[in-house]
Amino acid sequence: MNKVNESAKQLADTIVEGIQEKKGTNIAILDLSKLDNTICQYFIICEGDSTTQVDAIAEGVSDYVRQQLNDRPIHVEGRENALWILLDYFDVVVHVFHKDQRDFYNLEGLWADAVRTNIENLF
């Protein structure tokens, strides 16, 4: 595994820890690194039960990654309505969904060729 993949893996692991701290559920990691023409190496997808929790998860991930790795997302989308917040860390893109929105957008289905890892919620 090259250096970029190692740093992306470390970032992905740190993001998952940040999600777990805010009790995000149904965490999935999609490894896109072996697919052609992808926009990043990993998608991390999770959900919250309310818009308040979705916002708290996204904020918590951003804070946790900044504290642990001194890294910030290059772009954030969706904070206004907090139904789907996207945090773009270039090699890793985080999707924090309201539980009612996740099935509708079906990112896991759209990227079905990716290797998927489900993370059991520790809480």
N, C-alpha and C. Protein backbone atom coordinates (compact mmCIF):
# COMPACT_ATOMS: atom_id res chain seq x y z
N MET A 1 0.85 -1.18 0.00
CA MET A 1 0.00 0.00 0.00
C MET A 1 0.89 1.24 0.00
N ASN A 2 0.58 2.19 -0.86
CA ASN A 2 1.43 3.37 -0.93
C ASN A 2 1.11 4.35 0.20
N LYS A 3 1.93 5.37 0.28
CA LYS A 3 1.83 6.33 1.38
C LYS A 3 0.48 7.07 1.40
N VAL A 4 -0.01 7.43 0.23
CA VAL A 4 -1.30 8.12 0.16
C VAL A 4 -2.39 7.22 0.73
N ASN A 5 -2.39 5.94 0.37
CA ASN A 5 -3.40 5.02 0.89
C ASN A 5 -3.30 4.88 2.40
N GLU A 6 -2.08 4.84 2.93
CA GLU A 6 -1.90 4.73 4.38
C GLU A 6 -2.45 5.96 5.10
N SER A 7 -2.19 7.14 4.57
CA SER A 7 -2.72 8.34 5.23
C SER A 7 -4.24 8.42 5.10
N ALA A 8 -4.77 7.96 3.96
CA ALA A 8 -6.22 7.94 3.80
C ALA A 8 -6.83 6.93 4.76
N LYS A 9 -6.19 5.79 4.95
CA LYS A 9 -6.69 4.77 5.89
C LYS A 9 -6.68 5.32 7.31
N GLN A 10 -5.61 6.00 7.69
CA GLN A 10 -5.54 6.60 9.02
C GLN A 10 -6.64 7.64 9.20
N LEU A 11 -6.85 8.46 8.18
CA LEU A 11 -7.91 9.46 8.23
C LEU A 11 -9.27 8.78 8.36
N ALA A 12 -9.51 7.74 7.59
CA ALA A 12 -10.79 7.02 7.65
C ALA A 12 -11.01 6.44 9.05
N ASP A 13 -9.98 5.84 9.61
CA ASP A 13 -10.11 5.27 10.97
C ASP A 13 -10.43 6.36 11.99
N THR A 14 -9.79 7.50 11.87
CA THR A 14 -10.02 8.62 12.78
C THR A 14 -11.44 9.16 12.63
N ILE A 15 -11.92 9.24 11.41
CA ILE A 15 -13.29 9.70 11.16
C ILE A 15 -14.29 8.77 11.82
N VAL A 16 -14.07 7.46 11.68
CA VAL A 16 -14.98 6.49 12.31
C VAL A 16 -15.00 6.68 13.82
N GLU A 17 -13.84 6.93 14.43
CA GLU A 17 -13.79 7.18 15.87
C GLU A 17 -14.61 8.42 16.23
N GLY A 18 -14.50 9.47 15.41
CA GLY A 18 -15.27 10.68 15.65
C GLY A 18 -16.76 10.45 15.53
N ILE A 19 -17.18 9.62 14.57
CA ILE A 19 -18.59 9.27 14.42
C ILE A 19 -19.08 8.51 15.64
N GLN A 20 -18.28 7.56 16.09
CA GLN A 20 -18.67 6.75 17.24
C GLN A 20 -18.79 7.60 18.51
N GLU A 21 -17.95 8.61 18.64
CA GLU A 21 -18.05 9.49 19.82
C GLU A 21 -19.39 10.21 19.89
N LYS A 22 -19.97 10.49 18.73
CA LYS A 22 -21.27 11.18 18.69
C LYS A 22 -22.42 10.21 18.46
N LYS A 23 -22.14 8.92 18.64
CA LYS A 23 -23.15 7.87 18.58
C LYS A 23 -23.84 7.77 17.22
N GLY A 24 -23.08 8.04 16.15
CA GLY A 24 -23.59 7.78 14.81
C GLY A 24 -23.79 6.29 14.63
N THR A 25 -24.77 5.90 13.85
CA THR A 25 -25.10 4.49 13.68
C THR A 25 -24.94 4.05 12.23
N ASN A 26 -24.99 2.72 12.05
CA ASN A 26 -24.91 2.10 10.72
C ASN A 26 -23.74 2.64 9.91
N ILE A 27 -22.57 2.60 10.51
CA ILE A 27 -21.36 3.12 9.86
C ILE A 27 -20.89 2.11 8.82
N ALA A 28 -20.66 2.60 7.61
CA ALA A 28 -20.13 1.77 6.53
C ALA A 28 -18.95 2.50 5.89
N ILE A 29 -17.92 1.73 5.58
CA ILE A 29 -16.77 2.27 4.85
C ILE A 29 -16.77 1.61 3.48
N LEU A 30 -16.79 2.42 2.44
CA LEU A 30 -16.70 1.93 1.08
C LEU A 30 -15.29 2.24 0.57
N ASP A 31 -14.53 1.19 0.27
CA ASP A 31 -13.17 1.35 -0.25
C ASP A 31 -13.27 1.46 -1.76
N LEU A 32 -13.04 2.66 -2.26
CA LEU A 32 -13.15 2.94 -3.70
C LEU A 32 -11.79 2.91 -4.38
N SER A 33 -10.72 2.62 -3.64
CA SER A 33 -9.36 2.78 -4.15
C SER A 33 -9.03 1.86 -5.32
N LYS A 34 -9.72 0.76 -5.45
CA LYS A 34 -9.42 -0.18 -6.54
C LYS A 34 -10.35 -0.01 -7.74
N LEU A 35 -11.27 0.93 -7.66
CA LEU A 35 -12.20 1.19 -8.76
C LEU A 35 -11.64 2.28 -9.67
N ASP A 36 -11.98 2.20 -10.93
CA ASP A 36 -11.54 3.21 -11.90
C ASP A 36 -12.38 4.48 -11.76
N ASN A 37 -11.75 5.61 -12.00
CA ASN A 37 -12.43 6.90 -12.10
C ASN A 37 -13.25 7.28 -10.87
N THR A 38 -12.69 7.06 -9.70
CA THR A 38 -13.40 7.45 -8.48
C THR A 38 -12.91 8.82 -8.01
N ILE A 39 -13.72 9.46 -7.20
CA ILE A 39 -13.40 10.80 -6.75
C ILE A 39 -12.55 10.82 -5.50
N CYS A 40 -12.46 9.68 -4.81
CA CYS A 40 -11.69 9.61 -3.57
C CYS A 40 -11.35 8.14 -3.30
N GLN A 41 -10.64 7.89 -2.21
CA GLN A 41 -10.29 6.52 -1.87
C GLN A 41 -11.34 5.84 -1.00
N TYR A 42 -12.00 6.62 -0.13
CA TYR A 42 -13.00 6.05 0.77
C TYR A 42 -14.23 6.94 0.86
N PHE A 43 -15.39 6.31 0.91
CA PHE A 43 -16.61 6.94 1.38
C PHE A 43 -16.87 6.37 2.76
N ILE A 44 -17.20 7.21 3.70
CA ILE A 44 -17.68 6.76 5.00
C ILE A 44 -19.09 7.28 5.14
N ILE A 45 -20.00 6.35 5.42
CA ILE A 45 -21.42 6.68 5.48
C ILE A 45 -21.94 6.29 6.86
N CYS A 46 -22.72 7.19 7.44
CA CYS A 46 -23.35 6.89 8.73
C CYS A 46 -24.66 7.65 8.81
N GLU A 47 -25.36 7.45 9.91
CA GLU A 47 -26.64 8.15 10.06
C GLU A 47 -26.89 8.55 11.50
N GLY A 48 -27.78 9.52 11.62
CA GLY A 48 -28.26 9.97 12.92
C GLY A 48 -29.77 9.95 12.93
N ASP A 49 -30.34 10.00 14.12
CA ASP A 49 -31.79 9.89 14.28
C ASP A 49 -32.55 11.21 14.08
N SER A 50 -31.84 12.33 14.13
CA SER A 50 -32.49 13.63 14.01
C SER A 50 -31.53 14.59 13.31
N THR A 51 -32.06 15.71 12.85
CA THR A 51 -31.20 16.70 12.22
C THR A 51 -30.19 17.25 13.23
N THR A 52 -30.59 17.34 14.48
CA THR A 52 -29.67 17.80 15.53
C THR A 52 -28.50 16.83 15.67
N GLN A 53 -28.80 15.52 15.67
CA GLN A 53 -27.72 14.55 15.79
C GLN A 53 -26.86 14.52 14.53
N VAL A 54 -27.46 14.62 13.35
CA VAL A 54 -26.69 14.66 12.11
C VAL A 54 -25.69 15.81 12.15
N ASP A 55 -26.15 16.98 12.56
CA ASP A 55 -25.27 18.14 12.67
C ASP A 55 -24.18 17.91 13.71
N ALA A 56 -24.55 17.32 14.85
CA ALA A 56 -23.58 17.05 15.91
C ALA A 56 -22.52 16.04 15.46
N ILE A 57 -22.93 15.02 14.70
CA ILE A 57 -21.97 14.04 14.19
C ILE A 57 -20.99 14.72 13.25
N ALA A 58 -21.49 15.51 12.32
CA ALA A 58 -20.61 16.19 11.36
C ALA A 58 -19.65 17.13 12.08
N GLU A 59 -20.17 17.89 13.02
CA GLU A 59 -19.32 18.81 13.78
C GLU A 59 -18.31 18.03 14.62
N GLY A 60 -18.77 16.94 15.22
CA GLY A 60 -17.89 16.10 16.04
C GLY A 60 -16.76 15.49 15.22
N VAL A 61 -17.07 15.00 14.03
CA VAL A 61 -16.03 14.44 13.15
C VAL A 61 -15.01 15.51 12.80
N SER A 62 -15.50 16.67 12.41
CA SER A 62 -14.61 17.77 12.04
C SER A 62 -13.68 18.14 13.20
N ASP A 63 -14.24 18.27 14.39
CA ASP A 63 -13.43 18.61 15.58
C ASP A 63 -12.45 17.50 15.92
N TYR A 64 -12.91 16.26 15.90
CA TYR A 64 -12.06 15.12 16.28
C TYR A 64 -10.89 14.96 15.32
N VAL A 65 -11.15 15.07 14.02
CA VAL A 65 -10.07 14.94 13.03
C VAL A 65 -9.09 16.10 13.18
N ARG A 66 -9.59 17.28 13.44
CA ARG A 66 -8.69 18.44 13.63
C ARG A 66 -7.81 18.22 14.85
N GLN A 67 -8.36 17.70 15.94
CA GLN A 67 -7.59 17.46 17.16
C GLN A 67 -6.57 16.33 16.98
N GLN A 68 -6.98 15.24 16.33
CA GLN A 68 -6.13 14.06 16.21
C GLN A 68 -5.09 14.17 15.10
N LEU A 69 -5.48 14.75 13.96
CA LEU A 69 -4.61 14.75 12.77
C LEU A 69 -4.28 16.14 12.24
N ASN A 70 -4.83 17.17 12.88
CA ASN A 70 -4.64 18.54 12.41
C ASN A 70 -5.05 18.69 10.95
N ASP A 71 -6.20 18.11 10.63
CA ASP A 71 -6.73 18.15 9.27
C ASP A 71 -8.14 18.71 9.30
N ARG A 72 -8.52 19.37 8.23
CA ARG A 72 -9.86 19.96 8.11
C ARG A 72 -10.46 19.56 6.77
N PRO A 73 -11.79 19.48 6.70
CA PRO A 73 -12.39 19.18 5.39
C PRO A 73 -12.15 20.34 4.43
N ILE A 74 -11.95 20.00 3.15
CA ILE A 74 -11.75 21.05 2.16
C ILE A 74 -13.08 21.65 1.72
N HIS A 75 -14.16 20.92 2.00
CA HIS A 75 -15.48 21.42 1.64
C HIS A 75 -16.53 20.73 2.51
N VAL A 76 -17.56 21.47 2.88
CA VAL A 76 -18.69 20.94 3.66
C VAL A 76 -19.98 21.36 2.96
N GLU A 77 -20.91 20.41 2.81
CA GLU A 77 -22.22 20.70 2.21
C GLU A 77 -23.31 20.17 3.13
N GLY A 78 -24.46 20.84 3.12
CA GLY A 78 -25.65 20.32 3.77
C GLY A 78 -25.89 20.75 5.20
N ARG A 79 -25.09 21.64 5.72
CA ARG A 79 -25.28 22.06 7.12
C ARG A 79 -26.59 22.81 7.32
N GLU A 80 -27.10 23.42 6.26
CA GLU A 80 -28.31 24.24 6.39
C GLU A 80 -29.52 23.43 6.86
N ASN A 81 -29.75 22.26 6.24
CA ASN A 81 -30.92 21.48 6.63
C ASN A 81 -30.58 20.22 7.43
N ALA A 82 -29.31 19.82 7.43
CA ALA A 82 -28.80 18.68 8.22
C ALA A 82 -29.55 17.38 7.96
N LEU A 83 -29.97 17.18 6.72
CA LEU A 83 -30.54 15.89 6.33
C LEU A 83 -29.47 14.98 5.73
N TRP A 84 -28.47 15.61 5.10
CA TRP A 84 -27.33 14.90 4.53
C TRP A 84 -26.17 15.89 4.54
N ILE A 85 -25.23 15.67 5.41
CA ILE A 85 -24.05 16.55 5.47
C ILE A 85 -22.87 15.79 4.90
N LEU A 86 -22.18 16.44 3.99
CA LEU A 86 -21.01 15.87 3.34
C LEU A 86 -19.77 16.62 3.81
N LEU A 87 -18.77 15.87 4.26
CA LEU A 87 -17.48 16.44 4.65
C LEU A 87 -16.45 15.88 3.67
N ASP A 88 -15.82 16.75 2.90
CA ASP A 88 -14.85 16.32 1.88
C ASP A 88 -13.44 16.54 2.39
N TYR A 89 -12.74 15.43 2.65
CA TYR A 89 -11.34 15.47 3.07
C TYR A 89 -10.42 15.08 1.91
N PHE A 90 -10.86 15.20 0.69
CA PHE A 90 -10.16 14.90 -0.54
C PHE A 90 -10.03 13.38 -0.76
N ASP A 91 -9.25 12.67 0.03
CA ASP A 91 -9.11 11.22 -0.12
C ASP A 91 -10.24 10.46 0.56
N VAL A 92 -10.92 11.10 1.49
CA VAL A 92 -12.03 10.50 2.22
C VAL A 92 -13.20 11.47 2.21
N VAL A 93 -14.36 10.97 1.80
CA VAL A 93 -15.57 11.78 1.82
C VAL A 93 -16.54 11.14 2.81
N VAL A 94 -17.02 11.96 3.74
CA VAL A 94 -17.91 11.50 4.81
C VAL A 94 -19.33 11.95 4.47
N HIS A 95 -20.27 11.00 4.56
CA HIS A 95 -21.68 11.28 4.33
C HIS A 95 -22.42 10.98 5.63
N VAL A 96 -22.96 12.02 6.24
CA VAL A 96 -23.73 11.86 7.47
C VAL A 96 -25.20 12.10 7.10
N PHE A 97 -25.98 11.04 7.15
CA PHE A 97 -27.38 11.10 6.73
C PHE A 97 -28.32 11.11 7.92
N HIS A 98 -29.45 11.79 7.75
CA HIS A 98 -30.61 11.56 8.60
C HIS A 98 -31.10 10.18 8.20
N LYS A 99 -31.49 9.36 9.16
CA LYS A 99 -31.83 7.96 8.87
C LYS A 99 -32.90 7.82 7.80
N ASP A 100 -33.81 8.79 7.68
CA ASP A 100 -34.87 8.73 6.67
C ASP A 100 -34.35 9.02 5.27
N GLN A 101 -33.22 9.67 5.15
CA GLN A 101 -32.68 10.05 3.84
C GLN A 101 -31.72 9.02 3.25
N ARG A 102 -31.09 8.24 4.08
CA ARG A 102 -30.03 7.34 3.62
C ARG A 102 -30.52 6.34 2.57
N ASP A 103 -31.64 5.68 2.83
CA ASP A 103 -32.16 4.71 1.87
C ASP A 103 -32.56 5.37 0.55
N PHE A 104 -33.10 6.57 0.64
CA PHE A 104 -33.54 7.27 -0.56
C PHE A 104 -32.37 7.50 -1.53
N TYR A 105 -31.23 7.94 -1.01
CA TYR A 105 -30.08 8.25 -1.87
C TYR A 105 -29.25 7.01 -2.21
N ASN A 106 -29.28 5.97 -1.38
CA ASN A 106 -28.71 4.67 -1.67
C ASN A 106 -27.28 4.72 -2.24
N LEU A 107 -26.41 5.43 -1.56
CA LEU A 107 -25.02 5.50 -2.02
C LEU A 107 -24.35 4.14 -2.07
N GLU A 108 -24.67 3.28 -1.12
CA GLU A 108 -24.09 1.94 -1.12
C GLU A 108 -24.48 1.18 -2.39
N GLY A 109 -25.68 1.37 -2.86
CA GLY A 109 -26.12 0.73 -4.11
C GLY A 109 -25.44 1.33 -5.32
N LEU A 110 -25.29 2.65 -5.32
CA LEU A 110 -24.63 3.32 -6.45
C LEU A 110 -23.16 2.91 -6.57
N TRP A 111 -22.53 2.61 -5.45
CA TRP A 111 -21.12 2.22 -5.43
C TRP A 111 -21.00 0.75 -5.00
N ALA A 112 -21.87 -0.10 -5.54
CA ALA A 112 -21.93 -1.50 -5.14
C ALA A 112 -20.65 -2.27 -5.46
N ASP A 113 -19.83 -1.78 -6.40
CA ASP A 113 -18.58 -2.46 -6.75
C ASP A 113 -17.49 -2.23 -5.71
N ALA A 114 -17.69 -1.28 -4.83
CA ALA A 114 -16.68 -0.98 -3.80
C ALA A 114 -16.69 -2.06 -2.73
N VAL A 115 -15.52 -2.28 -2.13
CA VAL A 115 -15.44 -3.18 -0.98
C VAL A 115 -16.07 -2.46 0.21
N ARG A 116 -17.02 -3.11 0.84
CA ARG A 116 -17.76 -2.48 1.92
C ARG A 116 -17.41 -3.13 3.25
N THR A 117 -17.15 -2.28 4.26
CA THR A 117 -16.93 -2.74 5.61
C THR A 117 -17.95 -2.07 6.50
N ASN A 118 -18.71 -2.85 7.24
CA ASN A 118 -19.66 -2.30 8.21
C ASN A 118 -18.99 -2.25 9.57
N ILE A 119 -19.15 -1.17 10.26
CA ILE A 119 -18.58 -1.00 11.60
C ILE A 119 -19.72 -1.12 12.59
N GLU A 120 -19.64 -2.07 13.48
CA GLU A 120 -20.65 -2.20 14.52
C GLU A 120 -20.53 -1.02 15.47
N ASN A 121 -21.64 -0.44 15.79
CA ASN A 121 -21.64 0.68 16.72
C ASN A 121 -21.27 0.18 18.11
N LEU A 122 -20.31 0.83 18.73
CA LEU A 122 -19.84 0.41 20.03
C LEU A 122 -20.73 0.86 21.17
N PHE A 123 -21.69 1.74 20.91
CA PHE A 123 -22.51 2.29 21.98
C PHE A 123 -23.82 1.56 22.09
